[in-house]
Amino acid sequence: MPKRDAAHMNAQRERILRAAIHCISNVGLERTSISEICKEAQLSAGALYKHFAGKDEIVTQALQFAAMTEGMLPKSWREWQGDISCLDDQMGFSIETVARAKLQLLTGATRPGAFHELVKPLMETSLAMLVQHLAAMEEKGEIKLKMTALQTAKALSAMSDGLLWIGLATDEPHEEISADIAAAFACLFIMPGEAE
């Protein structure tokens, strides 16, 4: 059998991670199985096991693949305003897939155990990046925070996820969900020139 080049192997690995995220979104973390992932990825179990030892490793890598990175965060308040309520596809996933997968994963992470210990540092890292960006925007005078940067980061995360989940569960149009998120975020900041 011919050896596969690195590009092919990396593409196959990403295909498996994307399939895992789709499966978690569709059937939940606990019901996602190796056979479901193989079916979604259109790969054999043998191909999957060339990359991963099992489901736990796939889920771990899928979380890291989908985790927030420094490059995803806007550098200025103007960019932030444009991104705040954007419900476009994210990393090639529909917003519905992202919202369902995130809800499933966070639900699983609320229980003590190995999965909780896996998700906790990823969430802490995401919040720390968000805190740095909020503090930098405040330092530049683009915004003034009404709470600490950490409290604001937590509130932003909770409000955006919560309003998205509620909006999707009640079949709100994306434009209405976006408007709700933007309005909620505006409550957390004082803009230059506004009275406190």
N, C-alpha and C. Protein backbone atom coordinates (compact mmCIF):
# COMPACT_ATOMS: atom_id res chain seq x y z
N MET A 1 0.85 -1.18 0.00
CA MET A 1 0.00 0.00 0.00
C MET A 1 0.90 1.24 0.00
N PRO A 2 0.63 2.21 -0.87
CA PRO A 2 1.50 3.39 -0.95
C PRO A 2 1.38 4.26 0.30
N LYS A 3 2.50 4.90 0.66
CA LYS A 3 2.48 5.83 1.79
C LYS A 3 1.74 7.10 1.40
N ARG A 4 1.00 7.63 2.33
CA ARG A 4 0.28 8.88 2.10
C ARG A 4 1.18 10.05 2.47
N ASP A 5 1.06 11.15 1.72
CA ASP A 5 1.88 12.32 2.06
C ASP A 5 1.26 13.05 3.25
N ALA A 6 2.05 13.96 3.82
CA ALA A 6 1.64 14.68 5.03
C ALA A 6 0.37 15.49 4.79
N ALA A 7 0.23 16.11 3.64
CA ALA A 7 -0.97 16.91 3.35
C ALA A 7 -2.22 16.03 3.36
N HIS A 8 -2.12 14.85 2.76
CA HIS A 8 -3.26 13.93 2.75
C HIS A 8 -3.61 13.50 4.17
N MET A 9 -2.61 13.17 4.96
CA MET A 9 -2.83 12.71 6.33
C MET A 9 -3.44 13.83 7.19
N ASN A 10 -2.96 15.05 7.02
CA ASN A 10 -3.52 16.18 7.77
C ASN A 10 -4.96 16.45 7.36
N ALA A 11 -5.25 16.35 6.07
CA ALA A 11 -6.62 16.56 5.59
C ALA A 11 -7.55 15.48 6.14
N GLN A 12 -7.06 14.25 6.18
CA GLN A 12 -7.87 13.15 6.71
C GLN A 12 -8.13 13.34 8.20
N ARG A 13 -7.12 13.78 8.91
CA ARG A 13 -7.24 14.04 10.35
C ARG A 13 -8.28 15.14 10.60
N GLU A 14 -8.20 16.23 9.83
CA GLU A 14 -9.18 17.31 9.99
C GLU A 14 -10.59 16.83 9.65
N ARG A 15 -10.69 15.99 8.65
CA ARG A 15 -11.99 15.42 8.26
C ARG A 15 -12.62 14.64 9.43
N ILE A 16 -11.80 13.90 10.14
CA ILE A 16 -12.28 13.15 11.30
C ILE A 16 -12.73 14.10 12.41
N LEU A 17 -11.94 15.13 12.68
CA LEU A 17 -12.29 16.10 13.73
C LEU A 17 -13.58 16.83 13.39
N ARG A 18 -13.73 17.23 12.14
CA ARG A 18 -14.96 17.90 11.70
C ARG A 18 -16.15 16.95 11.82
N ALA A 19 -15.95 15.70 11.46
CA ALA A 19 -17.02 14.71 11.57
C ALA A 19 -17.43 14.53 13.03
N ALA A 20 -16.46 14.51 13.93
CA ALA A 20 -16.76 14.37 15.36
C ALA A 20 -17.60 15.54 15.85
N ILE A 21 -17.25 16.76 15.44
CA ILE A 21 -18.02 17.94 15.85
C ILE A 21 -19.45 17.85 15.32
N HIS A 22 -19.60 17.42 14.06
CA HIS A 22 -20.96 17.25 13.51
C HIS A 22 -21.74 16.20 14.29
N CYS A 23 -21.10 15.10 14.62
CA CYS A 23 -21.78 14.04 15.38
C CYS A 23 -22.20 14.53 16.76
N ILE A 24 -21.30 15.20 17.45
CA ILE A 24 -21.62 15.73 18.78
C ILE A 24 -22.80 16.69 18.68
N SER A 25 -22.81 17.51 17.65
CA SER A 25 -23.91 18.45 17.43
C SER A 25 -25.22 17.72 17.18
N ASN A 26 -25.16 16.64 16.42
CA ASN A 26 -26.39 15.94 16.00
C ASN A 26 -26.94 14.96 17.03
N VAL A 27 -26.06 14.21 17.72
CA VAL A 27 -26.55 13.18 18.63
C VAL A 27 -26.06 13.33 20.06
N GLY A 28 -25.20 14.29 20.33
CA GLY A 28 -24.69 14.49 21.67
C GLY A 28 -23.37 13.80 21.89
N LEU A 29 -22.67 14.22 22.91
CA LEU A 29 -21.35 13.70 23.21
C LEU A 29 -21.39 12.22 23.57
N GLU A 30 -22.30 11.84 24.45
CA GLU A 30 -22.34 10.46 24.92
C GLU A 30 -22.75 9.48 23.82
N ARG A 31 -23.63 9.89 22.92
CA ARG A 31 -24.10 8.99 21.87
C ARG A 31 -23.20 8.99 20.63
N THR A 32 -22.24 9.89 20.60
CA THR A 32 -21.29 9.90 19.49
C THR A 32 -20.37 8.70 19.64
N SER A 33 -20.30 7.89 18.61
CA SER A 33 -19.48 6.68 18.64
C SER A 33 -18.45 6.72 17.52
N ILE A 34 -17.49 5.84 17.59
CA ILE A 34 -16.49 5.72 16.53
C ILE A 34 -17.18 5.42 15.20
N SER A 35 -18.17 4.53 15.23
CA SER A 35 -18.86 4.18 13.97
C SER A 35 -19.61 5.39 13.40
N GLU A 36 -20.21 6.22 14.27
CA GLU A 36 -20.89 7.44 13.81
C GLU A 36 -19.89 8.41 13.18
N ILE A 37 -18.75 8.56 13.82
CA ILE A 37 -17.72 9.46 13.29
C ILE A 37 -17.21 8.96 11.95
N CYS A 38 -16.96 7.65 11.85
CA CYS A 38 -16.50 7.05 10.59
C CYS A 38 -17.52 7.29 9.48
N LYS A 39 -18.78 7.07 9.81
CA LYS A 39 -19.86 7.26 8.82
C LYS A 39 -19.90 8.72 8.35
N GLU A 40 -19.84 9.65 9.30
CA GLU A 40 -19.88 11.08 8.96
C GLU A 40 -18.66 11.48 8.14
N ALA A 41 -17.49 10.95 8.50
CA ALA A 41 -16.25 11.29 7.79
C ALA A 41 -16.08 10.51 6.49
N GLN A 42 -16.91 9.50 6.30
CA GLN A 42 -16.84 8.62 5.13
C GLN A 42 -15.46 7.96 5.05
N LEU A 43 -15.03 7.45 6.21
CA LEU A 43 -13.75 6.75 6.32
C LEU A 43 -13.97 5.44 7.07
N SER A 44 -13.07 4.52 6.87
CA SER A 44 -13.12 3.25 7.59
C SER A 44 -12.58 3.45 9.01
N ALA A 45 -12.91 2.51 9.88
CA ALA A 45 -12.37 2.55 11.24
C ALA A 45 -10.85 2.44 11.20
N GLY A 46 -10.33 1.65 10.27
CA GLY A 46 -8.88 1.53 10.14
C GLY A 46 -8.22 2.86 9.84
N ALA A 47 -8.83 3.64 8.94
CA ALA A 47 -8.29 4.97 8.61
C ALA A 47 -8.34 5.88 9.84
N LEU A 48 -9.42 5.78 10.59
CA LEU A 48 -9.56 6.61 11.78
C LEU A 48 -8.49 6.26 12.82
N TYR A 49 -8.28 4.96 13.01
CA TYR A 49 -7.31 4.53 14.03
C TYR A 49 -5.86 4.78 13.62
N LYS A 50 -5.61 5.15 12.38
CA LYS A 50 -4.26 5.58 12.00
C LYS A 50 -3.92 6.92 12.63
N HIS A 51 -4.97 7.68 12.96
CA HIS A 51 -4.79 9.04 13.49
C HIS A 51 -5.06 9.15 14.98
N PHE A 52 -6.00 8.36 15.48
CA PHE A 52 -6.46 8.51 16.87
C PHE A 52 -6.58 7.15 17.55
N ALA A 53 -6.31 7.14 18.86
CA ALA A 53 -6.40 5.90 19.63
C ALA A 53 -7.85 5.53 19.94
N GLY A 54 -8.74 6.51 19.98
CA GLY A 54 -10.13 6.23 20.31
C GLY A 54 -10.94 7.50 20.42
N LYS A 55 -12.17 7.37 20.88
CA LYS A 55 -13.11 8.49 20.95
C LYS A 55 -12.59 9.61 21.85
N ASP A 56 -12.05 9.26 23.01
CA ASP A 56 -11.57 10.30 23.93
C ASP A 56 -10.52 11.19 23.27
N GLU A 57 -9.60 10.59 22.55
CA GLU A 57 -8.57 11.38 21.87
C GLU A 57 -9.17 12.24 20.76
N ILE A 58 -10.14 11.69 20.04
CA ILE A 58 -10.80 12.47 18.98
C ILE A 58 -11.51 13.68 19.57
N VAL A 59 -12.25 13.46 20.66
CA VAL A 59 -12.98 14.56 21.29
C VAL A 59 -11.99 15.61 21.81
N THR A 60 -10.91 15.16 22.43
CA THR A 60 -9.89 16.09 22.92
C THR A 60 -9.34 16.95 21.78
N GLN A 61 -8.97 16.31 20.69
CA GLN A 61 -8.42 17.03 19.54
C GLN A 61 -9.47 17.91 18.87
N ALA A 62 -10.71 17.46 18.84
CA ALA A 62 -11.79 18.26 18.24
C ALA A 62 -12.01 19.54 19.06
N LEU A 63 -11.93 19.43 20.38
CA LEU A 63 -12.05 20.61 21.23
C LEU A 63 -10.93 21.60 20.95
N GLN A 64 -9.72 21.09 20.82
CA GLN A 64 -8.58 21.97 20.55
C GLN A 64 -8.68 22.56 19.15
N PHE A 65 -9.16 21.79 18.20
CA PHE A 65 -9.33 22.25 16.82
C PHE A 65 -10.33 23.42 16.77
N ALA A 66 -11.40 23.31 17.55
CA ALA A 66 -12.46 24.32 17.52
C ALA A 66 -12.28 25.43 18.54
N ALA A 67 -11.24 25.36 19.37
CA ALA A 67 -11.05 26.35 20.43
C ALA A 67 -10.70 27.72 19.85
N MET A 68 -11.06 28.74 20.62
CA MET A 68 -10.74 30.12 20.24
C MET A 68 -9.23 30.31 20.17
N THR A 69 -8.80 31.04 19.17
CA THR A 69 -7.39 31.38 19.06
C THR A 69 -7.23 32.89 19.08
N GLU A 70 -6.03 33.33 19.33
CA GLU A 70 -5.73 34.76 19.38
C GLU A 70 -6.14 35.46 18.09
N GLY A 71 -5.90 34.82 16.96
CA GLY A 71 -6.23 35.41 15.67
C GLY A 71 -7.71 35.59 15.41
N MET A 72 -8.55 34.88 16.15
CA MET A 72 -10.00 34.99 15.96
C MET A 72 -10.58 36.25 16.60
N LEU A 73 -9.86 36.81 17.56
CA LEU A 73 -10.39 37.96 18.30
C LEU A 73 -10.09 39.27 17.58
N PRO A 74 -11.08 40.15 17.52
CA PRO A 74 -10.86 41.45 16.88
C PRO A 74 -9.84 42.28 17.67
N LYS A 75 -9.12 43.11 16.95
CA LYS A 75 -8.07 43.92 17.59
C LYS A 75 -8.59 45.29 18.05
N SER A 76 -9.70 45.74 17.49
CA SER A 76 -10.23 47.06 17.86
C SER A 76 -11.74 46.95 18.12
N TRP A 77 -12.27 47.97 18.77
CA TRP A 77 -13.70 47.98 19.06
C TRP A 77 -14.52 48.00 17.76
N ARG A 78 -14.05 48.71 16.76
CA ARG A 78 -14.77 48.78 15.47
C ARG A 78 -14.90 47.37 14.87
N GLU A 79 -13.80 46.61 14.87
CA GLU A 79 -13.85 45.23 14.38
C GLU A 79 -14.78 44.39 15.26
N TRP A 80 -14.68 44.62 16.57
CA TRP A 80 -15.49 43.88 17.53
C TRP A 80 -16.98 44.08 17.24
N GLN A 81 -17.37 45.33 17.00
CA GLN A 81 -18.78 45.63 16.70
C GLN A 81 -19.25 44.87 15.47
N GLY A 82 -18.39 44.74 14.49
CA GLY A 82 -18.77 44.01 13.29
C GLY A 82 -18.89 42.52 13.52
N ASP A 83 -18.10 42.00 14.48
CA ASP A 83 -18.10 40.57 14.76
C ASP A 83 -19.05 40.14 15.86
N ILE A 84 -19.48 41.07 16.70
CA ILE A 84 -20.24 40.75 17.90
C ILE A 84 -21.41 39.80 17.62
N SER A 85 -22.20 40.15 16.69
CA SER A 85 -23.43 39.39 16.48
C SER A 85 -23.45 38.67 15.14
N CYS A 86 -22.28 38.39 14.62
CA CYS A 86 -22.18 37.71 13.33
C CYS A 86 -22.55 36.24 13.50
N LEU A 87 -23.57 35.82 12.78
CA LEU A 87 -24.00 34.43 12.86
C LEU A 87 -23.68 33.68 11.58
N ASP A 88 -22.64 34.13 10.90
CA ASP A 88 -22.19 33.43 9.69
C ASP A 88 -21.56 32.10 10.08
N ASP A 89 -21.26 31.31 9.08
CA ASP A 89 -20.57 30.05 9.32
C ASP A 89 -19.27 30.32 10.07
N GLN A 90 -18.90 29.41 10.94
CA GLN A 90 -17.67 29.54 11.72
C GLN A 90 -16.80 28.32 11.47
N MET A 91 -15.63 28.54 10.92
CA MET A 91 -14.68 27.48 10.62
C MET A 91 -15.29 26.42 9.71
N GLY A 92 -16.21 26.85 8.85
CA GLY A 92 -16.84 25.92 7.93
C GLY A 92 -18.04 25.18 8.50
N PHE A 93 -18.46 25.51 9.71
CA PHE A 93 -19.64 24.92 10.34
C PHE A 93 -20.75 25.96 10.36
N SER A 94 -21.99 25.51 10.22
CA SER A 94 -23.12 26.43 10.37
C SER A 94 -23.18 26.87 11.83
N ILE A 95 -23.79 28.02 12.08
CA ILE A 95 -23.91 28.52 13.45
C ILE A 95 -24.75 27.55 14.28
N GLU A 96 -25.71 26.88 13.65
CA GLU A 96 -26.54 25.91 14.37
C GLU A 96 -25.69 24.73 14.85
N THR A 97 -24.80 24.25 13.99
CA THR A 97 -23.91 23.14 14.37
C THR A 97 -23.00 23.57 15.51
N VAL A 98 -22.44 24.76 15.40
CA VAL A 98 -21.55 25.26 16.45
C VAL A 98 -22.30 25.39 17.77
N ALA A 99 -23.49 25.97 17.73
CA ALA A 99 -24.27 26.19 18.96
C ALA A 99 -24.65 24.86 19.62
N ARG A 100 -25.12 23.90 18.82
CA ARG A 100 -25.52 22.61 19.39
C ARG A 100 -24.32 21.85 19.96
N ALA A 101 -23.21 21.83 19.22
CA ALA A 101 -22.02 21.12 19.69
C ALA A 101 -21.49 21.75 20.98
N LYS A 102 -21.46 23.08 21.01
CA LYS A 102 -20.96 23.78 22.20
C LYS A 102 -21.83 23.48 23.41
N LEU A 103 -23.14 23.48 23.22
CA LEU A 103 -24.06 23.18 24.31
C LEU A 103 -23.85 21.76 24.82
N GLN A 104 -23.71 20.82 23.90
CA GLN A 104 -23.47 19.43 24.29
C GLN A 104 -22.15 19.29 25.07
N LEU A 105 -21.11 19.93 24.58
CA LEU A 105 -19.80 19.82 25.21
C LEU A 105 -19.78 20.50 26.58
N LEU A 106 -20.39 21.67 26.67
CA LEU A 106 -20.41 22.37 27.96
C LEU A 106 -21.26 21.62 28.98
N THR A 107 -22.34 21.01 28.52
CA THR A 107 -23.17 20.21 29.42
C THR A 107 -22.35 19.06 29.98
N GLY A 108 -21.60 18.37 29.11
CA GLY A 108 -20.75 17.27 29.57
C GLY A 108 -19.66 17.74 30.51
N ALA A 109 -19.19 18.96 30.33
CA ALA A 109 -18.08 19.47 31.14
C ALA A 109 -18.52 19.93 32.52
N THR A 110 -19.82 20.04 32.77
CA THR A 110 -20.28 20.48 34.09
C THR A 110 -20.21 19.36 35.12
N ARG A 111 -20.08 18.11 34.66
CA ARG A 111 -19.96 16.99 35.58
C ARG A 111 -18.48 16.79 35.95
N PRO A 112 -18.20 16.53 37.23
CA PRO A 112 -16.81 16.26 37.61
C PRO A 112 -16.28 15.04 36.85
N GLY A 113 -15.01 15.07 36.56
CA GLY A 113 -14.39 13.94 35.89
C GLY A 113 -13.37 14.38 34.86
N ALA A 114 -12.93 13.40 34.07
CA ALA A 114 -11.87 13.64 33.10
C ALA A 114 -12.26 14.68 32.05
N PHE A 115 -13.51 14.62 31.57
CA PHE A 115 -13.93 15.57 30.54
C PHE A 115 -13.96 16.99 31.10
N HIS A 116 -14.41 17.14 32.33
CA HIS A 116 -14.40 18.45 32.99
C HIS A 116 -12.97 18.99 33.05
N GLU A 117 -12.03 18.13 33.43
CA GLU A 117 -10.63 18.54 33.53
C GLU A 117 -10.03 18.88 32.17
N LEU A 118 -10.55 18.29 31.12
CA LEU A 118 -10.10 18.59 29.77
C LEU A 118 -10.61 19.95 29.30
N VAL A 119 -11.88 20.23 29.55
CA VAL A 119 -12.52 21.46 29.06
C VAL A 119 -12.11 22.68 29.87
N LYS A 120 -11.93 22.52 31.16
CA LYS A 120 -11.64 23.65 32.05
C LYS A 120 -10.46 24.51 31.57
N PRO A 121 -9.29 23.95 31.27
CA PRO A 121 -8.18 24.82 30.82
C PRO A 121 -8.45 25.49 29.48
N LEU A 122 -9.21 24.83 28.60
CA LEU A 122 -9.55 25.46 27.31
C LEU A 122 -10.44 26.68 27.55
N MET A 123 -11.40 26.56 28.46
CA MET A 123 -12.27 27.70 28.77
C MET A 123 -11.48 28.81 29.45
N GLU A 124 -10.59 28.43 30.36
CA GLU A 124 -9.77 29.43 31.05
C GLU A 124 -8.88 30.18 30.07
N THR A 125 -8.32 29.47 29.10
CA THR A 125 -7.48 30.10 28.09
C THR A 125 -8.29 31.06 27.22
N SER A 126 -9.48 30.63 26.80
CA SER A 126 -10.35 31.50 25.99
C SER A 126 -10.73 32.76 26.76
N LEU A 127 -11.10 32.59 28.02
CA LEU A 127 -11.46 33.76 28.83
C LEU A 127 -10.26 34.69 29.01
N ALA A 128 -9.08 34.12 29.23
CA ALA A 128 -7.87 34.95 29.41
C ALA A 128 -7.57 35.77 28.16
N MET A 129 -7.73 35.16 26.97
CA MET A 129 -7.52 35.91 25.73
C MET A 129 -8.53 37.05 25.60
N LEU A 130 -9.78 36.75 25.94
CA LEU A 130 -10.83 37.75 25.86
C LEU A 130 -10.56 38.89 26.84
N VAL A 131 -10.12 38.55 28.03
CA VAL A 131 -9.78 39.57 29.04
C VAL A 131 -8.67 40.48 28.52
N GLN A 132 -7.64 39.91 27.92
CA GLN A 132 -6.53 40.73 27.39
C GLN A 132 -7.03 41.69 26.32
N HIS A 133 -7.89 41.22 25.45
CA HIS A 133 -8.40 42.08 24.37
C HIS A 133 -9.30 43.18 24.92
N LEU A 134 -10.14 42.85 25.87
CA LEU A 134 -11.01 43.87 26.47
C LEU A 134 -10.17 44.92 27.20
N ALA A 135 -9.19 44.47 27.96
CA ALA A 135 -8.32 45.40 28.70
C ALA A 135 -7.55 46.30 27.73
N ALA A 136 -7.09 45.74 26.62
CA ALA A 136 -6.35 46.53 25.64
C ALA A 136 -7.25 47.59 25.00
N MET A 137 -8.49 47.23 24.68
CA MET A 137 -9.41 48.20 24.09
C MET A 137 -9.76 49.29 25.09
N GLU A 138 -9.88 48.92 26.37
CA GLU A 138 -10.15 49.93 27.39
C GLU A 138 -8.94 50.85 27.57
N GLU A 139 -7.76 50.28 27.56
CA GLU A 139 -6.53 51.07 27.71
C GLU A 139 -6.37 52.07 26.57
N LYS A 140 -6.79 51.68 25.35
CA LYS A 140 -6.71 52.58 24.19
C LYS A 140 -7.82 53.63 24.20
N GLY A 141 -8.76 53.51 25.15
CA GLY A 141 -9.85 54.48 25.25
C GLY A 141 -11.00 54.21 24.29
N GLU A 142 -11.04 53.03 23.69
CA GLU A 142 -12.12 52.69 22.75
C GLU A 142 -13.41 52.37 23.49
N ILE A 143 -13.29 51.81 24.69
CA ILE A 143 -14.44 51.45 25.51
C ILE A 143 -14.08 51.66 26.97
N LYS A 144 -15.11 51.68 27.82
CA LYS A 144 -14.92 51.65 29.27
C LYS A 144 -15.79 50.51 29.78
N LEU A 145 -15.19 49.64 30.56
CA LEU A 145 -15.91 48.49 31.08
C LEU A 145 -16.70 48.88 32.33
N LYS A 146 -17.89 48.31 32.49
CA LYS A 146 -18.70 48.56 33.67
C LYS A 146 -18.34 47.58 34.80
N MET A 147 -17.67 46.49 34.45
CA MET A 147 -17.23 45.48 35.43
C MET A 147 -15.75 45.22 35.17
N THR A 148 -15.18 44.30 35.90
CA THR A 148 -13.79 43.92 35.62
C THR A 148 -13.75 43.27 34.24
N ALA A 149 -12.56 43.20 33.67
CA ALA A 149 -12.42 42.57 32.35
C ALA A 149 -12.82 41.10 32.40
N LEU A 150 -12.50 40.40 33.50
CA LEU A 150 -12.88 38.99 33.62
C LEU A 150 -14.40 38.84 33.74
N GLN A 151 -15.03 39.67 34.55
CA GLN A 151 -16.49 39.61 34.66
C GLN A 151 -17.14 39.90 33.31
N THR A 152 -16.60 40.87 32.60
CA THR A 152 -17.14 41.23 31.29
C THR A 152 -16.96 40.09 30.30
N ALA A 153 -15.79 39.45 30.31
CA ALA A 153 -15.53 38.32 29.41
C ALA A 153 -16.52 37.18 29.66
N LYS A 154 -16.76 36.87 30.94
CA LYS A 154 -17.72 35.82 31.29
C LYS A 154 -19.13 36.21 30.84
N ALA A 155 -19.50 37.47 31.07
CA ALA A 155 -20.83 37.93 30.68
C ALA A 155 -21.00 37.89 29.17
N LEU A 156 -19.98 38.31 28.43
CA LEU A 156 -20.06 38.27 26.97
C LEU A 156 -20.26 36.84 26.47
N SER A 157 -19.51 35.92 27.03
CA SER A 157 -19.62 34.52 26.62
C SER A 157 -21.00 33.96 26.95
N ALA A 158 -21.45 34.21 28.17
CA ALA A 158 -22.74 33.69 28.60
C ALA A 158 -23.90 34.29 27.81
N MET A 159 -23.83 35.60 27.58
CA MET A 159 -24.93 36.25 26.85
C MET A 159 -24.96 35.81 25.40
N SER A 160 -23.82 35.74 24.75
CA SER A 160 -23.84 35.36 23.34
C SER A 160 -24.31 33.93 23.17
N ASP A 161 -23.80 33.01 24.01
CA ASP A 161 -24.25 31.62 23.91
C ASP A 161 -25.72 31.49 24.28
N GLY A 162 -26.11 32.08 25.40
CA GLY A 162 -27.49 31.97 25.86
C GLY A 162 -28.51 32.54 24.88
N LEU A 163 -28.23 33.73 24.36
CA LEU A 163 -29.16 34.33 23.41
C LEU A 163 -29.21 33.55 22.10
N LEU A 164 -28.09 32.99 21.70
CA LEU A 164 -28.06 32.16 20.50
C LEU A 164 -28.89 30.90 20.71
N TRP A 165 -28.69 30.21 21.84
CA TRP A 165 -29.45 28.97 22.11
C TRP A 165 -30.94 29.25 22.21
N ILE A 166 -31.32 30.32 22.90
CA ILE A 166 -32.73 30.67 23.02
C ILE A 166 -33.31 31.01 21.64
N GLY A 167 -32.59 31.81 20.88
CA GLY A 167 -33.05 32.20 19.55
C GLY A 167 -33.23 31.02 18.62
N LEU A 168 -32.27 30.10 18.63
CA LEU A 168 -32.38 28.92 17.77
C LEU A 168 -33.50 28.00 18.24
N ALA A 169 -33.68 27.88 19.56
CA ALA A 169 -34.73 27.01 20.10
C ALA A 169 -36.13 27.55 19.83
N THR A 170 -36.23 28.86 19.62
CA THR A 170 -37.55 29.47 19.36
C THR A 170 -37.70 29.91 17.91
N ASP A 171 -36.81 29.43 17.05
CA ASP A 171 -36.87 29.70 15.61
C ASP A 171 -36.84 31.18 15.25
N GLU A 172 -36.11 31.97 16.03
CA GLU A 172 -35.95 33.39 15.70
C GLU A 172 -35.08 33.51 14.45
N PRO A 173 -35.37 34.45 13.59
CA PRO A 173 -34.47 34.70 12.45
C PRO A 173 -33.10 35.14 12.97
N HIS A 174 -32.07 34.81 12.22
CA HIS A 174 -30.71 35.16 12.63
C HIS A 174 -30.56 36.66 12.87
N GLU A 175 -31.24 37.48 12.09
CA GLU A 175 -31.13 38.94 12.25
C GLU A 175 -31.62 39.36 13.63
N GLU A 176 -32.69 38.74 14.14
CA GLU A 176 -33.22 39.08 15.46
C GLU A 176 -32.25 38.61 16.55
N ILE A 177 -31.70 37.42 16.39
CA ILE A 177 -30.72 36.93 17.36
C ILE A 177 -29.52 37.87 17.40
N SER A 178 -29.04 38.27 16.24
CA SER A 178 -27.90 39.21 16.16
C SER A 178 -28.21 40.51 16.86
N ALA A 179 -29.40 41.04 16.64
CA ALA A 179 -29.79 42.30 17.26
C ALA A 179 -29.87 42.14 18.79
N ASP A 180 -30.39 41.01 19.26
CA ASP A 180 -30.46 40.77 20.70
C ASP A 180 -29.07 40.70 21.32
N ILE A 181 -28.15 40.02 20.65
CA ILE A 181 -26.79 39.90 21.16
C ILE A 181 -26.11 41.26 21.19
N ALA A 182 -26.26 42.04 20.12
CA ALA A 182 -25.65 43.38 20.07
C ALA A 182 -26.20 44.27 21.18
N ALA A 183 -27.52 44.21 21.40
CA ALA A 183 -28.15 45.04 22.44
C ALA A 183 -27.67 44.62 23.83
N ALA A 184 -27.55 43.32 24.06
CA ALA A 184 -27.08 42.83 25.36
C ALA A 184 -25.63 43.25 25.60
N PHE A 185 -24.79 43.13 24.57
CA PHE A 185 -23.39 43.51 24.71
C PHE A 185 -23.25 44.99 25.02
N ALA A 186 -24.08 45.82 24.42
CA ALA A 186 -24.00 47.27 24.62
C ALA A 186 -24.21 47.64 26.08
N CYS A 187 -24.93 46.81 26.82
CA CYS A 187 -25.17 47.09 28.25
C CYS A 187 -23.91 46.94 29.10
N LEU A 188 -22.89 46.32 28.57
CA LEU A 188 -21.69 46.03 29.35
C LEU A 188 -20.61 47.09 29.23
N PHE A 189 -20.79 48.03 28.30
CA PHE A 189 -19.75 49.00 28.01
C PHE A 189 -20.27 50.42 28.09
N ILE A 190 -19.35 51.34 28.38
CA ILE A 190 -19.63 52.76 28.24
C ILE A 190 -18.75 53.24 27.12
N MET A 191 -19.36 53.83 26.13
CA MET A 191 -18.60 54.31 24.97
C MET A 191 -18.06 55.71 25.28
N PRO A 192 -16.92 56.06 24.69
CA PRO A 192 -16.38 57.41 24.92
C PRO A 192 -17.43 58.47 24.62
N GLY A 193 -17.58 59.41 25.54
CA GLY A 193 -18.54 60.48 25.35
C GLY A 193 -19.89 60.19 25.99
N GLU A 194 -20.17 58.95 26.37
CA GLU A 194 -21.44 58.61 27.03
C GLU A 194 -21.32 58.92 28.51
N ALA A 195 -22.44 59.30 29.12
CA ALA A 195 -22.46 59.52 30.57
C ALA A 195 -22.46 58.18 31.28
N GLU A 196 -21.79 58.12 32.41
CA GLU A 196 -21.74 56.84 33.15
C GLU A 196 -22.99 56.59 33.88
